[in-house]
Protein backbone atom coordinates (compact mmCIF):
# COMPACT_ATOMS: atom_id res chain seq x y z
CA UNK A 1 165.13 55.97 -79.36
CA UNK A 2 164.22 57.81 -82.59
CA UNK A 3 163.44 61.52 -82.40
CA UNK A 4 160.55 63.35 -84.05
CA UNK A 5 159.82 67.06 -84.30
CA UNK A 6 156.32 68.47 -83.78
CA UNK A 7 154.95 71.81 -84.86
CA UNK A 8 152.44 73.51 -82.58
CA UNK A 9 150.67 76.86 -82.91
CA UNK A 10 152.23 79.80 -81.07
CA UNK A 11 149.42 80.01 -78.50
CA UNK A 12 149.88 76.34 -77.56
CA UNK A 13 153.65 76.81 -77.33
CA UNK A 14 153.14 79.77 -74.97
CA UNK A 15 150.83 77.70 -72.76
CA UNK A 16 153.40 74.91 -72.74
CA UNK A 17 156.13 77.35 -71.72
CA UNK A 18 153.90 78.56 -68.89
CA UNK A 19 153.90 74.98 -67.56
CA UNK A 20 157.58 74.09 -67.75
CA UNK A 21 157.21 71.54 -64.95
CA UNK A 22 155.37 69.23 -67.36
CA UNK A 23 157.42 66.83 -69.43
CA UNK A 24 155.83 67.61 -72.80
CA UNK A 25 157.83 64.89 -74.54
CA UNK A 26 156.31 62.33 -72.20
CA UNK A 27 152.82 63.76 -72.83
CA UNK A 28 153.34 63.51 -76.60
CA UNK A 29 154.75 59.96 -76.31
CA UNK A 30 151.73 58.84 -74.30
CA UNK A 31 149.28 60.44 -76.74
CA UNK A 32 151.03 58.75 -79.68
CA UNK A 33 151.13 55.42 -77.82
CA UNK A 34 147.39 55.65 -77.13
CA UNK A 35 146.55 56.48 -80.75
CA UNK A 36 148.73 53.63 -82.06
CA UNK A 37 146.95 51.20 -79.70
CA UNK A 38 143.57 52.42 -80.99
CA UNK A 39 144.73 51.99 -84.59
CA UNK A 40 145.89 48.44 -83.86
CA UNK A 41 142.46 47.58 -82.48
CA UNK A 42 140.76 49.19 -85.47
CA UNK A 43 142.98 47.25 -87.89
CA UNK A 44 142.20 43.99 -86.08
CA UNK A 45 138.47 44.67 -86.30
CA UNK A 46 138.52 45.73 -89.94
CA UNK A 47 140.72 42.82 -90.98
CA UNK A 48 137.85 40.49 -90.06
CA UNK A 49 135.15 42.65 -91.67
CA UNK A 50 133.38 41.52 -94.81
CA UNK A 51 131.97 45.01 -95.49
CA UNK A 52 133.22 46.92 -98.48
CA UNK A 53 134.43 50.48 -97.91
CA UNK A 54 131.21 51.73 -99.54
CA UNK A 55 129.10 49.56 -97.19
CA UNK A 56 131.04 50.78 -94.15
CA UNK A 57 130.58 54.43 -95.14
CA UNK A 58 126.85 53.94 -95.66
CA UNK A 59 126.53 52.20 -92.29
CA UNK A 60 128.45 55.05 -90.65
CA UNK A 61 126.13 57.62 -92.22
CA UNK A 62 123.07 55.75 -90.96
CA UNK A 63 124.51 55.54 -87.45
CA UNK A 64 125.36 59.25 -87.45
CA UNK A 65 121.86 60.17 -88.66
CA UNK A 66 120.29 57.96 -86.00
CA UNK A 67 122.43 59.47 -83.24
CA UNK A 68 121.65 62.96 -84.48
CA UNK A 69 117.91 62.26 -84.27
CA UNK A 70 118.22 60.69 -80.82
CA UNK A 71 120.14 63.66 -79.38
CA UNK A 72 117.90 66.17 -81.13
CA UNK A 73 114.85 64.59 -79.45
CA UNK A 74 116.52 64.54 -76.02
CA UNK A 75 117.27 68.29 -76.07
């Protein structure tokens, strides 16, 4: 299995050292595995899309603005 090296801030490293019973390599592997699975799904969806990048960004902005208004009204 290939090996990678990760850099983490000192405060995170200290917290990790305080929990030595946790297999941090396994935690990192699972997080990477989950993200790769999400990216595969995203690639499959976008491969079928007929939207240009500009269209997709505009749609995303409209969705964000709509969600912002909805949550602003609910609070």
